[in-house]
Amino acid sequence: MIVPANKKRPAPTVLLTIHVPTDLALAGAKDDQVLGHINKLIRARGGIILANGQILYRELKSEWIAEEYYDDDRTSDWDHPLREWGEAHESYFGAILGFSNPFQYGEQPDVYGRYCLEAYVPGDYLGPAEQVLALVDCGLDSRNFYCPCHYAEVVYTSAHRLVCMACGQMHCVLSEHLSGVPGGGWAEAKWHESFDVDGLLLAHDLRVPFIEYQDVFQATKLWETDAWVEASSEIEFFERGDPEEVARYRATLPTAEDFMEAGWTESPMPPPPARQMEPEGIDIHIGRNAALALQDAAKHYAASVIDPSQVRSAVLDLFQAIELLLKIKLEIATGDVSTRRKNNPEVIRALAACGEGLPAEDARLVAALRELRNRLQHSEGRVGYADTRALIARGFVMIDRFAWEALGWWIADAIDPPMWDSLLALPEIASSAALRAEELGTKFRAEDPLNSIERCPHCSRETVIRERSHAGYCLFCRRIPVRNRENS
């Protein structure tokens, strides 16, 4: 696969925080003096154990420095306790990284305090003979294992340690190999070549085994870093913490809507590597399929205002959504999953047979959409632009009513705001949206006295719901009001 230059992963670098002697920082020492001190320690001891458990073993260059923190305003007090370092540590790190007696800040507690610098240190993340054996995944907890760098690329290596292949941070070293992990593996270069800068899998033949996070968590560790402590503590708290405490904590967390209200925009990202590589990583659900079809139908309907050819896709997607929602209703009515194999006329007849038949007008509308769908899909010819758009509009009105009354679903939840605007231009949908927004707003206010409802700056309706101090969104037009556009 040809990868654009701006999507290729850059050469591996790891961001490290390195503390410097207090007297050098306060004296305003130049970079060459600070680096001279650090590099002298590395030459003498082979490496430096950093405050967060990472280990610096490459001599620094001034161009690698990203930031210096030599003032009290941007630093905080920092203790530097001595970490355990025995024969097992000497043997392990000596074999894999080439040092056995690294320096620790705790050896000179009066010299090192709060002042530090950050540097992007280039170089391979793994040792010369080290390979990727497996990807860490939280299958038992039904979640992904994320590094604090926000990427889920933490791997288990042939050196029985965990390393993030997105940022280079070491998480932990196990005292011995995990049982059941296949031998062989992948070189570091192969991993980096297999993903683009955003984490999209490019090498479709790459299939790395998974190891279970809980197996790693329960294993005896030779070494732990702050990256492991942060990642594992978050999982243990949310998955096995006290439910009431977890709920209280969740209520304080900012939401995606909070950031969007502040002016930030979402940046779509590929799924985590584990979800891209697993054989059944995509959850297929008939309701989700219907929602996606509705979203696409609304998108093409909106686009057809200036591009008449878009009516074709709008008809195909809208009929698919109607067909799936009718099947969902029949399955609910009969409790029989096998009804999904019926075609649309069979579904409509089966609904009528069990007392859930469509009104005659709706049945005729569905039949007309089906006939047009078949023509567009299997035949040649021409269709009327205005007539087709009118039929699509009637289809949206029908499915909006049916989904709400028969399934308790509001199609607005499946359609993004710009496309929802095109449907709000239909009087029937605008009227039903106003009623539903009022109904949902009343329920929302009753749930918590701290919840509030405000005026929407976009549609000018009192329909923006705000849960406590979090950002809100408009029940009617579905937009999130932006209060600070400077961050956009």
Foldseek 3Di string as FASTA:
>chain_A
DDDPPVFADDFAWAKDKAWFFLVCLVVVHDPVVRLVVQQVQLVVFQWEQGQQRDIGRDRDDPVFWDFWFSDPVPWDWDFFADDDADPLQQVLCCVWPNGRGHHGCNVPRNTTIITITIGTGGDDLGGPPKFFQAFEAAVVQPGAQAFPVGARQWTQMPSRWTARLLRSDTFFHFSDHDPPGDDDHHHSVVVSRQAINLGDGNPLPDAHHYDHPVSVVPTHTPGGGNRNVVRVVVCCCCRPNDVVVNVVVVVPDADPLQVVQQAADDDDGDDHPVLSRDPPSDDDDLLLLLLVLLQLLLVLLVVCVPPLVSLLSNLLSLLSSVQSVLQVLLCVLPVDNVSNPDGRVVSQVSCVVSPNHDPPVVVVLSVVSVVVNCCSVPHDDDDDSVVSSVSSLVSVLVVQVCCCVRPVDHSVVSYDLVSVVVNCVPVSLVVVLVVVLVVVVVVLCVVDVQKAFDADPPPRDRRWIDDRPHFTAGSRSGGTNHDHNVND
